[in-house]
Amino acid sequence: MKHHLEFEKPLIELQQKLDELRRAQHANPLGLQLEDEIRGIEAKLADTRRQIYATLNAWQRVQLARHPQRPYFLDYARLTFQEFSELHGDRLFADDHAMVGGLARLGPHRVLLLGTQKGRDTKENILRNFGSAHPEGYRKALRLMRLADKFGLPIITLIDTAGAFPGIGAEERHIAEAIAVNLREMIRLDVPIIAAVIGEGGSGGALGIGVADRVLILENSYYSVISPEGCASILWKDRKATPQAAEALRITGSDLLEFKLVDEVIPEPDGGAHHDPAAAAASLKSTLLRHLTDLQALPSAERLRLRYAKFRAMGHFAIRAKPGSDSHEPASAPAPATATR
């Protein structure tokens, strides 16, 4: 069954009318020709789709990022990469099915592919823990990244998680420590690292595999220190303020690019990646190949220097004195929360 969002209703109505006309033309025993009317509806549908998706607000993009038919990690592993061979376990506690990784090929390059995987139905969501990894997931990720570093394989991570799992078991097994160690170790791995947000980029759960030479984001994805719902509950004390919170957080690709938190926004097909997964996968592939080629041309020491400088620069903002005052206090509020990750 198709899942439709509220702002997509005009498209659904046009599509239903178009389907009715096509059925009428096919079933009409008198051979009534409806081509002109069908072409008119097709043109109107295409124009309406372009207008809607060209003017999406932040909350609407968050909804698209969470769309249940959106391509997930394993879809891109099949469509963008070749010869993906999954590796399992953290060699300490368990194999976390929310964090998936293994060896793959991207065009001519052998790489380590790593990312978070959600489920399509209730059974798979339970298996994948809704894409929220436990500590053992981040420890598995680090084990695989160290393996890649040992054999000189570039690392590519695909991020799609609402955040790391916040349950009691995760706290008992030190989820914060596992993520912190990943941050420390990823900043100094010798091989090129590219991270791409393909859906949700939730807080430390995303950043735990997100320290990279290049950070990319798909057009209808988001990256944030907190969900819009959580922000609304804390600051507005009302989840009805979620759309307002999404705008204030500045979590969409264009905002993140402005703040230099991502390096490129990857365009998606009209209507989002779920409307044409093959086209979205091709767009992701060409962008990854371009950045990987650039990174491999850099000397290792220079690449590490730039990676460190990139993340040290995040969260900086300018201050200025108020007119007529010698004070050095900020004249306005600091940068949005997204810029202080």
C-alpha atoms as a PDB file:
ATOM      1  CA  MET A   1       0.000   0.000   0.000  1.00  0.00           C
ATOM      2  CA  LYS A   2       1.338   3.416  -0.956  1.00  0.00           C
ATOM      3  CA  HIS A   3       2.106   5.876   1.830  1.00  0.00           C
ATOM      4  CA  HIS A   4       1.211   9.484   1.052  1.00  0.00           C
ATOM      5  CA  LEU A   5       2.063  12.630   2.983  1.00  0.00           C
ATOM      6  CA  GLU A   6      -0.376  15.450   3.643  1.00  0.00           C
ATOM      7  CA  PHE A   7       1.283  17.919   1.255  1.00  0.00           C
ATOM      8  CA  GLU A   8       1.152  15.328  -1.529  1.00  0.00           C
ATOM      9  CA  LYS A   9      -2.678  15.276  -1.675  1.00  0.00           C
ATOM     10  CA  PRO A  10      -2.944  17.452  -4.839  1.00  0.00           C
ATOM     11  CA  LEU A  11      -0.666  14.970  -6.611  1.00  0.00           C
ATOM     12  CA  ILE A  12      -2.718  12.013  -5.464  1.00  0.00           C
ATOM     13  CA  GLU A  13      -5.926  13.557  -6.755  1.00  0.00           C
ATOM     14  CA  LEU A  14      -4.376  14.277 -10.159  1.00  0.00           C
ATOM     15  CA  GLN A  15      -2.890  10.790 -10.342  1.00  0.00           C
ATOM     16  CA  GLN A  16      -6.268   9.211  -9.548  1.00  0.00           C
ATOM     17  CA  LYS A  17      -7.930  11.274 -12.291  1.00  0.00           C
ATOM     18  CA  LEU A  18      -5.200  10.267 -14.737  1.00  0.00           C
ATOM     19  CA  ASP A  19      -5.618   6.579 -13.863  1.00  0.00           C
ATOM     20  CA  GLU A  20      -9.392   6.829 -14.379  1.00  0.00           C
ATOM     21  CA  LEU A  21      -8.918   8.373 -17.831  1.00  0.00           C
ATOM     22  CA  ARG A  22      -6.462   5.679 -18.844  1.00  0.00           C
ATOM     23  CA  ARG A  23      -8.823   2.939 -17.690  1.00  0.00           C
ATOM     24  CA  ALA A  24     -11.715   4.582 -19.556  1.00  0.00           C
ATOM     25  CA  GLN A  25      -9.695   4.796 -22.736  1.00  0.00           C
ATOM     26  CA  HIS A  26      -8.610   1.178 -22.458  1.00  0.00           C
ATOM     27  CA  ALA A  27     -12.104  -0.141 -21.696  1.00  0.00           C
ATOM     28  CA  ASN A  28     -14.139   2.036 -24.073  1.00  0.00           C
ATOM     29  CA  PRO A  29     -15.654  -0.283 -26.709  1.00  0.00           C
ATOM     30  CA  LEU A  30     -16.373   2.674 -29.024  1.00  0.00           C
ATOM     31  CA  GLY A  31     -12.710   3.605 -29.211  1.00  0.00           C
ATOM     32  CA  LEU A  32     -13.273   7.047 -27.705  1.00  0.00           C
ATOM     33  CA  GLN A  33      -9.985   8.906 -27.893  1.00  0.00           C
ATOM     34  CA  LEU A  34      -8.900  10.606 -24.686  1.00  0.00           C
ATOM     35  CA  GLU A  35      -5.251  11.251 -25.563  1.00  0.00           C
ATOM     36  CA  ASP A  36      -5.502  15.050 -25.449  1.00  0.00           C
ATOM     37  CA  GLU A  37      -7.105  15.077 -22.020  1.00  0.00           C
ATOM     38  CA  ILE A  38      -4.620  12.490 -20.733  1.00  0.00           C
ATOM     39  CA  ARG A  39      -1.684  14.530 -22.002  1.00  0.00           C
ATOM     40  CA  GLY A  40      -3.123  17.639 -20.318  1.00  0.00           C
ATOM     41  CA  ILE A  41      -3.422  15.855 -16.960  1.00  0.00           C
ATOM     42  CA  GLU A  42       0.107  14.420 -17.321  1.00  0.00           C
ATOM     43  CA  ALA A  43       1.520  17.896 -17.941  1.00  0.00           C
ATOM     44  CA  LYS A  44      -0.404  19.350 -14.996  1.00  0.00           C
ATOM     45  CA  LEU A  45       0.770  16.504 -12.756  1.00  0.00           C
ATOM     46  CA  ALA A  46       4.410  17.095 -13.716  1.00  0.00           C
ATOM     47  CA  ASP A  47       4.114  20.863 -13.130  1.00  0.00           C
ATOM     48  CA  THR A  48       2.370  20.406  -9.774  1.00  0.00           C
ATOM     49  CA  ARG A  49       5.025  17.904  -8.654  1.00  0.00           C
ATOM     50  CA  ARG A  50       7.822  20.324  -9.532  1.00  0.00           C
ATOM     51  CA  GLN A  51       6.123  23.203  -7.728  1.00  0.00           C
ATOM     52  CA  ILE A  52       5.441  21.209  -4.548  1.00  0.00           C
ATOM     53  CA  TYR A  53       8.889  19.656  -4.194  1.00  0.00           C
ATOM     54  CA  ALA A  54      10.722  22.859  -5.101  1.00  0.00           C
ATOM     55  CA  THR A  55       9.130  24.725  -2.174  1.00  0.00           C
ATOM     56  CA  LEU A  56       9.216  22.173   0.652  1.00  0.00           C
ATOM     57  CA  ASN A  57       9.714  23.531   4.160  1.00  0.00           C
ATOM     58  CA  ALA A  58      11.988  21.917   6.759  1.00  0.00           C
ATOM     59  CA  TRP A  59       9.273  19.799   8.382  1.00  0.00           C
ATOM     60  CA  GLN A  60       8.103  18.454   5.026  1.00  0.00           C
ATOM     61  CA  ARG A  61      11.676  17.411   4.209  1.00  0.00           C
ATOM     62  CA  VAL A  62      11.888  15.645   7.580  1.00  0.00           C
ATOM     63  CA  GLN A  63       8.726  13.741   6.656  1.00  0.00           C
ATOM     64  CA  LEU A  64      10.275  12.733   3.333  1.00  0.00           C
ATOM     65  CA  ALA A  65      13.464  11.640   5.112  1.00  0.00           C
ATOM     66  CA  ARG A  66      11.314   9.288   7.212  1.00  0.00           C
ATOM     67  CA  HIS A  67       9.179   8.033   4.332  1.00  0.00           C
ATOM     68  CA  PRO A  68       8.682   4.260   4.797  1.00  0.00           C
ATOM     69  CA  GLN A  69       9.287   3.596   1.091  1.00  0.00           C
ATOM     70  CA  ARG A  70      12.514   5.585   0.980  1.00  0.00           C
ATOM     71  CA  PRO A  71      15.591   3.533  -0.038  1.00  0.00           C
ATOM     72  CA  TYR A  72      17.519   2.240   2.960  1.00  0.00           C
ATOM     73  CA  PHE A  73      21.154   1.212   3.400  1.00  0.00           C
ATOM     74  CA  LEU A  74      20.761  -2.267   1.919  1.00  0.00           C
ATOM     75  CA  ASP A  75      18.922  -0.829  -1.095  1.00  0.00           C
ATOM     76  CA  TYR A  76      21.896   1.410  -1.858  1.00  0.00           C
ATOM     77  CA  ALA A  77      24.282  -1.463  -1.150  1.00  0.00           C
ATOM     78  CA  ARG A  78      22.536  -3.265  -4.025  1.00  0.00           C
ATOM     79  CA  LEU A  79      21.909  -0.336  -6.391  1.00  0.00           C
ATOM     80  CA  THR A  80      24.966   1.889  -5.878  1.00  0.00           C
ATOM     81  CA  PHE A  81      27.603  -0.687  -4.979  1.00  0.00           C
ATOM     82  CA  GLN A  82      28.548  -4.120  -6.277  1.00  0.00           C
ATOM     83  CA  GLU A  83      29.724  -7.335  -4.628  1.00  0.00           C
ATOM     84  CA  PHE A  84      28.652  -6.316  -1.112  1.00  0.00           C
ATOM     85  CA  SER A  85      29.718  -8.991   1.381  1.00  0.00           C
ATOM     86  CA  GLU A  86      28.497  -8.412   4.933  1.00  0.00           C
ATOM     87  CA  LEU A  87      30.772  -8.902   7.942  1.00  0.00           C
ATOM     88  CA  HIS A  88      29.298  -9.572  11.383  1.00  0.00           C
ATOM     89  CA  GLY A  89      29.909  -9.027  15.075  1.00  0.00           C
ATOM     90  CA  ASP A  90      31.925  -6.745  17.334  1.00  0.00           C
ATOM     91  CA  ARG A  91      34.007  -9.642  18.796  1.00  0.00           C
ATOM     92  CA  LEU A  92      32.977  -8.448  22.248  1.00  0.00           C
ATOM     93  CA  PHE A  93      29.253  -8.892  22.838  1.00  0.00           C
ATOM     94  CA  ALA A  94      26.933  -9.412  19.861  1.00  0.00           C
ATOM     95  CA  ASP A  95      26.109  -8.708  16.234  1.00  0.00           C
ATOM     96  CA  ASP A  96      23.948  -5.577  16.067  1.00  0.00           C
ATOM     97  CA  HIS A  97      21.598  -5.834  13.066  1.00  0.00           C
ATOM     98  CA  ALA A  98      20.901  -2.082  13.109  1.00  0.00           C
ATOM     99  CA  MET A  99      24.508  -1.451  12.052  1.00  0.00           C
ATOM    100  CA  VAL A 100      25.473  -3.226   8.832  1.00  0.00           C
ATOM    101  CA  GLY A 101      28.894  -3.293   7.225  1.00  0.00           C
ATOM    102  CA  GLY A 102      31.076  -5.223   4.856  1.00  0.00           C
ATOM    103  CA  LEU A 103      33.323  -5.202   1.829  1.00  0.00           C
ATOM    104  CA  ALA A 104      32.004  -3.824  -1.454  1.00  0.00           C
ATOM    105  CA  ARG A 105      33.016  -2.336  -4.778  1.00  0.00           C
ATOM    106  CA  LEU A 106      32.182   1.198  -5.925  1.00  0.00           C
ATOM    107  CA  GLY A 107      32.981   1.412  -9.601  1.00  0.00           C
ATOM    108  CA  PRO A 108      36.679   0.468  -9.833  1.00  0.00           C
ATOM    109  CA  HIS A 109      37.297   0.964  -6.094  1.00  0.00           C
ATOM    110  CA  ARG A 110      37.310  -1.669  -3.346  1.00  0.00           C
ATOM    111  CA  VAL A 111      35.782  -0.085  -0.237  1.00  0.00           C
ATOM    112  CA  LEU A 112      34.403  -0.786   3.193  1.00  0.00           C
ATOM    113  CA  LEU A 113      30.688   0.046   3.215  1.00  0.00           C
ATOM    114  CA  LEU A 114      29.030   0.746   6.554  1.00  0.00           C
ATOM    115  CA  GLY A 115      25.687   2.131   7.664  1.00  0.00           C
ATOM    116  CA  THR A 116      22.485   1.955   9.668  1.00  0.00           C
ATOM    117  CA  GLN A 117      19.562  -0.119   8.421  1.00  0.00           C
ATOM    118  CA  LYS A 118      15.855   0.298   9.219  1.00  0.00           C
ATOM    119  CA  GLY A 119      13.076  -2.253   8.669  1.00  0.00           C
ATOM    120  CA  ARG A 120      10.202  -2.301   6.186  1.00  0.00           C
ATOM    121  CA  ASP A 121       7.711  -4.095   8.433  1.00  0.00           C
ATOM    122  CA  THR A 122       7.203  -4.826  12.119  1.00  0.00           C
ATOM    123  CA  LYS A 123       9.266  -8.018  12.102  1.00  0.00           C
ATOM    124  CA  GLU A 124      12.227  -6.417  10.338  1.00  0.00           C
ATOM    125  CA  ASN A 125      12.005  -3.257  12.457  1.00  0.00           C
ATOM    126  CA  ILE A 126      12.305  -5.384  15.579  1.00  0.00           C
ATOM    127  CA  LEU A 127      15.313  -7.163  14.064  1.00  0.00           C
ATOM    128  CA  ARG A 128      16.915  -3.848  13.047  1.00  0.00           C
ATOM    129  CA  ASN A 129      15.802  -2.040  16.223  1.00  0.00           C
ATOM    130  CA  PHE A 130      14.232   0.660  14.009  1.00  0.00           C
ATOM    131  CA  GLY A 131      17.707   1.611  12.780  1.00  0.00           C
ATOM    132  CA  SER A 132      18.960   2.644  16.236  1.00  0.00           C
ATOM    133  CA  ALA A 133      22.237   0.891  17.019  1.00  0.00           C
ATOM    134  CA  HIS A 134      23.369  -0.458  20.396  1.00  0.00           C
ATOM    135  CA  PRO A 135      26.940  -0.017  21.692  1.00  0.00           C
ATOM    136  CA  GLU A 136      27.941  -3.267  19.999  1.00  0.00           C
ATOM    137  CA  GLY A 137      26.865  -1.742  16.687  1.00  0.00           C
ATOM    138  CA  TYR A 138      29.338   1.119  17.047  1.00  0.00           C
ATOM    139  CA  ARG A 139      32.037  -1.287  18.242  1.00  0.00           C
ATOM    140  CA  LYS A 140      31.391  -3.472  15.202  1.00  0.00           C
ATOM    141  CA  ALA A 141      31.645  -0.380  13.013  1.00  0.00           C
ATOM    142  CA  LEU A 142      34.988   0.524  14.572  1.00  0.00           C
ATOM    143  CA  ARG A 143      36.292  -3.040  14.157  1.00  0.00           C
ATOM    144  CA  LEU A 144      35.443  -2.952  10.468  1.00  0.00           C
ATOM    145  CA  MET A 145      36.899   0.523   9.975  1.00  0.00           C
ATOM    146  CA  ARG A 146      40.163  -0.571  11.595  1.00  0.00           C
ATOM    147  CA  LEU A 147      40.168  -3.561   9.247  1.00  0.00           C
ATOM    148  CA  ALA A 148      39.740  -1.213   6.288  1.00  0.00           C
ATOM    149  CA  ASP A 149      42.548   0.992   7.578  1.00  0.00           C
ATOM    150  CA  LYS A 150      44.834  -2.033   7.876  1.00  0.00           C
ATOM    151  CA  PHE A 151      44.277  -3.033   4.252  1.00  0.00           C
ATOM    152  CA  GLY A 152      44.118   0.479   2.803  1.00  0.00           C
ATOM    153  CA  LEU A 153      40.445   0.412   1.830  1.00  0.00           C
ATOM    154  CA  PRO A 154      38.460   3.688   1.660  1.00  0.00           C
ATOM    155  CA  ILE A 155      35.525   3.838   4.062  1.00  0.00           C
ATOM    156  CA  ILE A 156      32.022   4.907   3.000  1.00  0.00           C
ATOM    157  CA  THR A 157      29.275   5.263   5.599  1.00  0.00           C
ATOM    158  CA  LEU A 158      25.565   5.735   4.849  1.00  0.00           C
ATOM    159  CA  ILE A 159      23.667   7.326   7.729  1.00  0.00           C
ATOM    160  CA  ASP A 160      19.955   6.788   8.341  1.00  0.00           C
ATOM    161  CA  THR A 161      19.075   6.696  12.022  1.00  0.00           C
ATOM    162  CA  ALA A 162      16.893   8.638  14.429  1.00  0.00           C
ATOM    163  CA  GLY A 163      19.727   8.207  16.948  1.00  0.00           C
ATOM    164  CA  ALA A 164      21.586   5.632  18.964  1.00  0.00           C
ATOM    165  CA  PHE A 165      19.399   3.347  21.100  1.00  0.00           C
ATOM    166  CA  PRO A 166      18.739   5.012  24.494  1.00  0.00           C
ATOM    167  CA  GLY A 167      17.600   1.906  26.420  1.00  0.00           C
ATOM    168  CA  ILE A 168      18.852   0.536  29.738  1.00  0.00           C
ATOM    169  CA  GLY A 169      20.899  -2.213  28.075  1.00  0.00           C
ATOM    170  CA  ALA A 170      22.653   0.308  25.870  1.00  0.00           C
ATOM    171  CA  GLU A 171      23.505   2.447  28.883  1.00  0.00           C
ATOM    172  CA  GLU A 172      24.765  -0.587  30.802  1.00  0.00           C
ATOM    173  CA  ARG A 173      27.096  -1.415  27.905  1.00  0.00           C
ATOM    174  CA  HIS A 174      28.248   2.228  27.649  1.00  0.00           C
ATOM    175  CA  ILE A 175      26.687   3.654  24.490  1.00  0.00           C
ATOM    176  CA  ALA A 176      28.213   7.117  25.047  1.00  0.00           C
ATOM    177  CA  GLU A 177      31.706   5.626  25.449  1.00  0.00           C
ATOM    178  CA  ALA A 178      31.326   3.538  22.279  1.00  0.00           C
ATOM    179  CA  ILE A 179      30.335   6.599  20.225  1.00  0.00           C
ATOM    180  CA  ALA A 180      33.065   8.755  21.796  1.00  0.00           C
ATOM    181  CA  VAL A 181      35.735   6.183  20.930  1.00  0.00           C
ATOM    182  CA  ASN A 182      34.485   6.114  17.329  1.00  0.00           C
ATOM    183  CA  LEU A 183      34.781   9.895  17.101  1.00  0.00           C
ATOM    184  CA  ARG A 184      38.344   9.772  18.410  1.00  0.00           C
ATOM    185  CA  GLU A 185      39.420   6.910  16.192  1.00  0.00           C
ATOM    186  CA  MET A 186      37.733   8.036  12.965  1.00  0.00           C
ATOM    187  CA  ILE A 187      39.481  11.402  13.080  1.00  0.00           C
ATOM    188  CA  ARG A 188      42.847   9.637  12.738  1.00  0.00           C
ATOM    189  CA  LEU A 189      42.191   6.696  10.421  1.00  0.00           C
ATOM    190  CA  ASP A 190      44.650   6.889   7.545  1.00  0.00           C
ATOM    191  CA  VAL A 191      42.301   5.956   4.682  1.00  0.00           C
ATOM    192  CA  PRO A 192      39.805   8.281   2.946  1.00  0.00           C
ATOM    193  CA  ILE A 193      36.397   8.438   4.646  1.00  0.00           C
ATOM    194  CA  ILE A 194      33.144   9.656   3.082  1.00  0.00           C
ATOM    195  CA  ALA A 195      29.867   9.864   5.021  1.00  0.00           C
ATOM    196  CA  ALA A 196      26.488  10.390   3.361  1.00  0.00           C
ATOM    197  CA  VAL A 197      23.203  11.063   5.164  1.00  0.00           C
ATOM    198  CA  ILE A 198      20.584   9.164   3.141  1.00  0.00           C
ATOM    199  CA  GLY A 199      17.585   9.711   5.438  1.00  0.00           C
ATOM    200  CA  GLU A 200      17.612  10.679   9.090  1.00  0.00           C
ATOM    201  CA  GLY A 201      20.806  11.942  10.706  1.00  0.00           C
ATOM    202  CA  GLY A 202      20.015  11.854  14.382  1.00  0.00           C
ATOM    203  CA  SER A 203      22.481  13.281  16.894  1.00  0.00           C
ATOM    204  CA  GLY A 204      25.435  11.219  18.195  1.00  0.00           C
ATOM    205  CA  GLY A 205      23.924   8.082  16.719  1.00  0.00           C
ATOM    206  CA  ALA A 206      24.660   9.530  13.286  1.00  0.00           C
ATOM    207  CA  LEU A 207      27.929  11.196  14.230  1.00  0.00           C
ATOM    208  CA  GLY A 208      29.261   7.863  15.570  1.00  0.00           C
ATOM    209  CA  ILE A 209      29.903   6.854  11.946  1.00  0.00           C
ATOM    210  CA  GLY A 210      29.931  10.393  10.555  1.00  0.00           C
ATOM    211  CA  VAL A 211      33.455  11.727  11.142  1.00  0.00           C
ATOM    212  CA  ALA A 212      34.728  11.881   7.581  1.00  0.00           C
ATOM    213  CA  ASP A 213      36.833  13.782   5.073  1.00  0.00           C
ATOM    214  CA  ARG A 214      33.663  14.573   3.129  1.00  0.00           C
ATOM    215  CA  VAL A 215      30.138  14.691   4.576  1.00  0.00           C
ATOM    216  CA  LEU A 216      27.340  14.546   2.010  1.00  0.00           C
ATOM    217  CA  ILE A 217      23.572  14.663   2.386  1.00  0.00           C
ATOM    218  CA  LEU A 218      20.715  13.704   0.093  1.00  0.00           C
ATOM    219  CA  GLU A 219      18.389  16.571  -0.775  1.00  0.00           C
ATOM    220  CA  ASN A 220      15.458  15.367   1.352  1.00  0.00           C
ATOM    221  CA  SER A 221      17.464  14.194   4.358  1.00  0.00           C
ATOM    222  CA  TYR A 222      18.228  15.985   7.611  1.00  0.00           C
ATOM    223  CA  TYR A 223      21.039  16.063  10.191  1.00  0.00           C
ATOM    224  CA  SER A 224      20.357  17.365  13.679  1.00  0.00           C
ATOM    225  CA  VAL A 225      21.383  17.257  17.333  1.00  0.00           C
ATOM    226  CA  ILE A 226      17.757  16.490  18.269  1.00  0.00           C
ATOM    227  CA  SER A 227      14.538  15.549  16.519  1.00  0.00           C
ATOM    228  CA  PRO A 228      12.081  18.371  15.759  1.00  0.00           C
ATOM    229  CA  GLU A 229       9.559  16.665  18.069  1.00  0.00           C
ATOM    230  CA  GLY A 230      12.078  16.559  20.921  1.00  0.00           C
ATOM    231  CA  CYS A 231      13.046  20.181  20.385  1.00  0.00           C
ATOM    232  CA  ALA A 232       9.375  21.251  20.370  1.00  0.00           C
ATOM    233  CA  SER A 233       8.712  19.359  23.613  1.00  0.00           C
ATOM    234  CA  ILE A 234      11.682  20.965  25.364  1.00  0.00           C
ATOM    235  CA  LEU A 235      11.541  24.551  24.111  1.00  0.00           C
ATOM    236  CA  TRP A 236       7.848  25.044  23.315  1.00  0.00           C
ATOM    237  CA  LYS A 237       6.489  22.457  25.769  1.00  0.00           C
ATOM    238  CA  ASP A 238       4.165  21.399  22.968  1.00  0.00           C
ATOM    239  CA  ARG A 239       4.717  18.833  20.205  1.00  0.00           C
ATOM    240  CA  LYS A 240       2.351  20.832  17.996  1.00  0.00           C
ATOM    241  CA  ALA A 241       5.261  23.236  17.540  1.00  0.00           C
ATOM    242  CA  THR A 242       7.228  20.539  15.695  1.00  0.00           C
ATOM    243  CA  PRO A 243       7.116  22.307  12.274  1.00  0.00           C
ATOM    244  CA  GLN A 244       8.303  25.522  13.934  1.00  0.00           C
ATOM    245  CA  ALA A 245      11.103  23.626  15.674  1.00  0.00           C
ATOM    246  CA  ALA A 246      12.191  22.036  12.396  1.00  0.00           C
ATOM    247  CA  GLU A 247      12.579  25.472  10.833  1.00  0.00           C
ATOM    248  CA  ALA A 248      14.449  26.870  13.844  1.00  0.00           C
ATOM    249  CA  LEU A 249      16.903  23.961  13.988  1.00  0.00           C
ATOM    250  CA  ARG A 250      18.132  24.631  10.416  1.00  0.00           C
ATOM    251  CA  ILE A 251      18.589  20.914   9.720  1.00  0.00           C
ATOM    252  CA  THR A 252      18.018  20.620   5.972  1.00  0.00           C
ATOM    253  CA  GLY A 253      20.727  20.185   3.366  1.00  0.00           C
ATOM    254  CA  SER A 254      20.794  23.814   2.228  1.00  0.00           C
ATOM    255  CA  ASP A 255      21.150  25.092   5.814  1.00  0.00           C
ATOM    256  CA  LEU A 256      23.849  22.554   6.648  1.00  0.00           C
ATOM    257  CA  LEU A 257      25.763  23.498   3.517  1.00  0.00           C
ATOM    258  CA  GLU A 258      25.557  27.176   4.517  1.00  0.00           C
ATOM    259  CA  PHE A 259      26.984  26.333   7.960  1.00  0.00           C
ATOM    260  CA  LYS A 260      29.715  24.196   6.324  1.00  0.00           C
ATOM    261  CA  LEU A 261      28.556  21.135   8.237  1.00  0.00           C
ATOM    262  CA  VAL A 262      28.178  19.202   4.986  1.00  0.00           C
ATOM    263  CA  ASP A 263      30.232  19.439   1.810  1.00  0.00           C
ATOM    264  CA  GLU A 264      27.551  18.796  -0.810  1.00  0.00           C
ATOM    265  CA  VAL A 265      23.798  18.288  -1.170  1.00  0.00           C
ATOM    266  CA  ILE A 266      23.037  15.402  -3.529  1.00  0.00           C
ATOM    267  CA  PRO A 267      19.926  16.037  -5.661  1.00  0.00           C
ATOM    268  CA  GLU A 268      17.055  13.547  -5.585  1.00  0.00           C
ATOM    269  CA  PRO A 269      14.444  12.700  -8.242  1.00  0.00           C
ATOM    270  CA  ASP A 270      11.236  14.762  -8.231  1.00  0.00           C
ATOM    271  CA  GLY A 271       9.087  13.558  -5.351  1.00  0.00           C
ATOM    272  CA  GLY A 272      11.990  12.138  -3.359  1.00  0.00           C
ATOM    273  CA  ALA A 273      14.310   9.141  -3.595  1.00  0.00           C
ATOM    274  CA  HIS A 274      11.443   6.665  -3.077  1.00  0.00           C
ATOM    275  CA  HIS A 275       9.848   7.747  -6.384  1.00  0.00           C
ATOM    276  CA  ASP A 276      12.879   6.551  -8.349  1.00  0.00           C
ATOM    277  CA  PRO A 277      15.384   4.606  -6.194  1.00  0.00           C
ATOM    278  CA  ALA A 278      17.541   3.719  -9.212  1.00  0.00           C
ATOM    279  CA  ALA A 279      17.985   7.402 -10.137  1.00  0.00           C
ATOM    280  CA  ALA A 280      18.739   8.318  -6.496  1.00  0.00           C
ATOM    281  CA  ALA A 281      21.306   5.503  -6.324  1.00  0.00           C
ATOM    282  CA  ALA A 282      22.951   6.663  -9.563  1.00  0.00           C
ATOM    283  CA  SER A 283      23.164  10.241  -8.260  1.00  0.00           C
ATOM    284  CA  LEU A 284      24.727   9.004  -5.020  1.00  0.00           C
ATOM    285  CA  LYS A 285      27.204   6.812  -6.915  1.00  0.00           C
ATOM    286  CA  SER A 286      28.478   9.554  -9.210  1.00  0.00           C
ATOM    287  CA  THR A 287      28.924  11.935  -6.258  1.00  0.00           C
ATOM    288  CA  LEU A 288      30.761   9.344  -4.142  1.00  0.00           C
ATOM    289  CA  LEU A 289      33.080   8.469  -7.021  1.00  0.00           C
ATOM    290  CA  ARG A 290      33.930  12.117  -7.626  1.00  0.00           C
ATOM    291  CA  HIS A 291      34.769  12.797  -3.980  1.00  0.00           C
ATOM    292  CA  LEU A 292      36.666   9.533  -3.570  1.00  0.00           C
ATOM    293  CA  THR A 293      38.837  10.337  -6.582  1.00  0.00           C
ATOM    294  CA  ASP A 294      39.594  13.773  -5.129  1.00  0.00           C
ATOM    295  CA  LEU A 295      40.479  12.365  -1.700  1.00  0.00           C
ATOM    296  CA  GLN A 296      42.751   9.647  -3.067  1.00  0.00           C
ATOM    297  CA  ALA A 297      44.760  12.299  -4.888  1.00  0.00           C
ATOM    298  CA  LEU A 298      45.668  13.960  -1.560  1.00  0.00           C
ATOM    299  CA  PRO A 299      48.698  12.850   0.489  1.00  0.00           C
ATOM    300  CA  SER A 300      47.649  11.011   3.634  1.00  0.00           C
ATOM    301  CA  ALA A 301      49.085  13.601   6.002  1.00  0.00           C
ATOM    302  CA  GLU A 302      47.278  16.429   4.227  1.00  0.00           C
ATOM    303  CA  ARG A 303      43.998  14.507   4.236  1.00  0.00           C
ATOM    304  CA  LEU A 304      44.261  13.929   7.992  1.00  0.00           C
ATOM    305  CA  ARG A 305      45.112  17.578   8.601  1.00  0.00           C
ATOM    306  CA  LEU A 306      42.095  18.758   6.618  1.00  0.00           C
ATOM    307  CA  ARG A 307      39.782  16.258   8.322  1.00  0.00           C
ATOM    308  CA  TYR A 308      40.838  17.465  11.769  1.00  0.00           C
ATOM    309  CA  ALA A 309      40.550  21.138  10.767  1.00  0.00           C
ATOM    310  CA  LYS A 310      37.109  20.503   9.272  1.00  0.00           C
ATOM    311  CA  PHE A 311      35.601  19.283  12.535  1.00  0.00           C
ATOM    312  CA  ARG A 312      37.499  21.718  14.757  1.00  0.00           C
ATOM    313  CA  ALA A 313      35.946  24.585  12.769  1.00  0.00           C
ATOM    314  CA  MET A 314      32.369  23.465  13.431  1.00  0.00           C
ATOM    315  CA  GLY A 315      30.337  25.539  15.847  1.00  0.00           C
ATOM    316  CA  HIS A 316      32.335  28.755  15.467  1.00  0.00           C
ATOM    317  CA  PHE A 317      30.343  31.978  15.254  1.00  0.00           C
ATOM    318  CA  ALA A 318      31.197  35.659  15.170  1.00  0.00           C
ATOM    319  CA  ILE A 319      30.480  38.075  18.016  1.00  0.00           C
ATOM    320  CA  ARG A 320      30.213  41.822  17.850  1.00  0.00           C
ATOM    321  CA  ALA A 321      29.805  44.543  20.430  1.00  0.00           C
ATOM    322  CA  LYS A 322      26.517  46.373  20.745  1.00  0.00           C
ATOM    323  CA  PRO A 323      26.562  49.905  19.298  1.00  0.00           C
ATOM    324  CA  GLY A 324      27.976  52.369  21.817  1.00  0.00           C
ATOM    325  CA  SER A 325      29.231  49.648  24.138  1.00  0.00           C
ATOM    326  CA  ASP A 326      32.696  48.312  24.935  1.00  0.00           C
ATOM    327  CA  SER A 327      31.229  44.958  25.889  1.00  0.00           C
ATOM    328  CA  HIS A 328      32.339  41.877  24.011  1.00  0.00           C
ATOM    329  CA  GLU A 329      29.152  39.973  24.753  1.00  0.00           C
ATOM    330  CA  PRO A 330      27.373  38.519  21.682  1.00  0.00           C
ATOM    331  CA  ALA A 331      24.941  41.016  20.176  1.00  0.00           C
ATOM    332  CA  SER A 332      22.587  38.218  19.265  1.00  0.00           C
ATOM    333  CA  ALA A 333      21.942  34.580  20.039  1.00  0.00           C
ATOM    334  CA  PRO A 334      24.690  32.100  19.119  1.00  0.00           C
ATOM    335  CA  ALA A 335      24.536  29.946  16.027  1.00  0.00           C
ATOM    336  CA  PRO A 336      21.651  27.476  15.761  1.00  0.00           C
ATOM    337  CA  ALA A 337      21.975  24.177  17.647  1.00  0.00           C
ATOM    338  CA  THR A 338      22.845  22.326  14.452  1.00  0.00           C
ATOM    339  CA  ALA A 339      26.056  24.329  14.113  1.00  0.00           C
ATOM    340  CA  THR A 340      27.311  23.313  17.576  1.00  0.00           C
ATOM    341  CA  ARG A 341      27.458  19.560  17.055  1.00  0.00           C
END
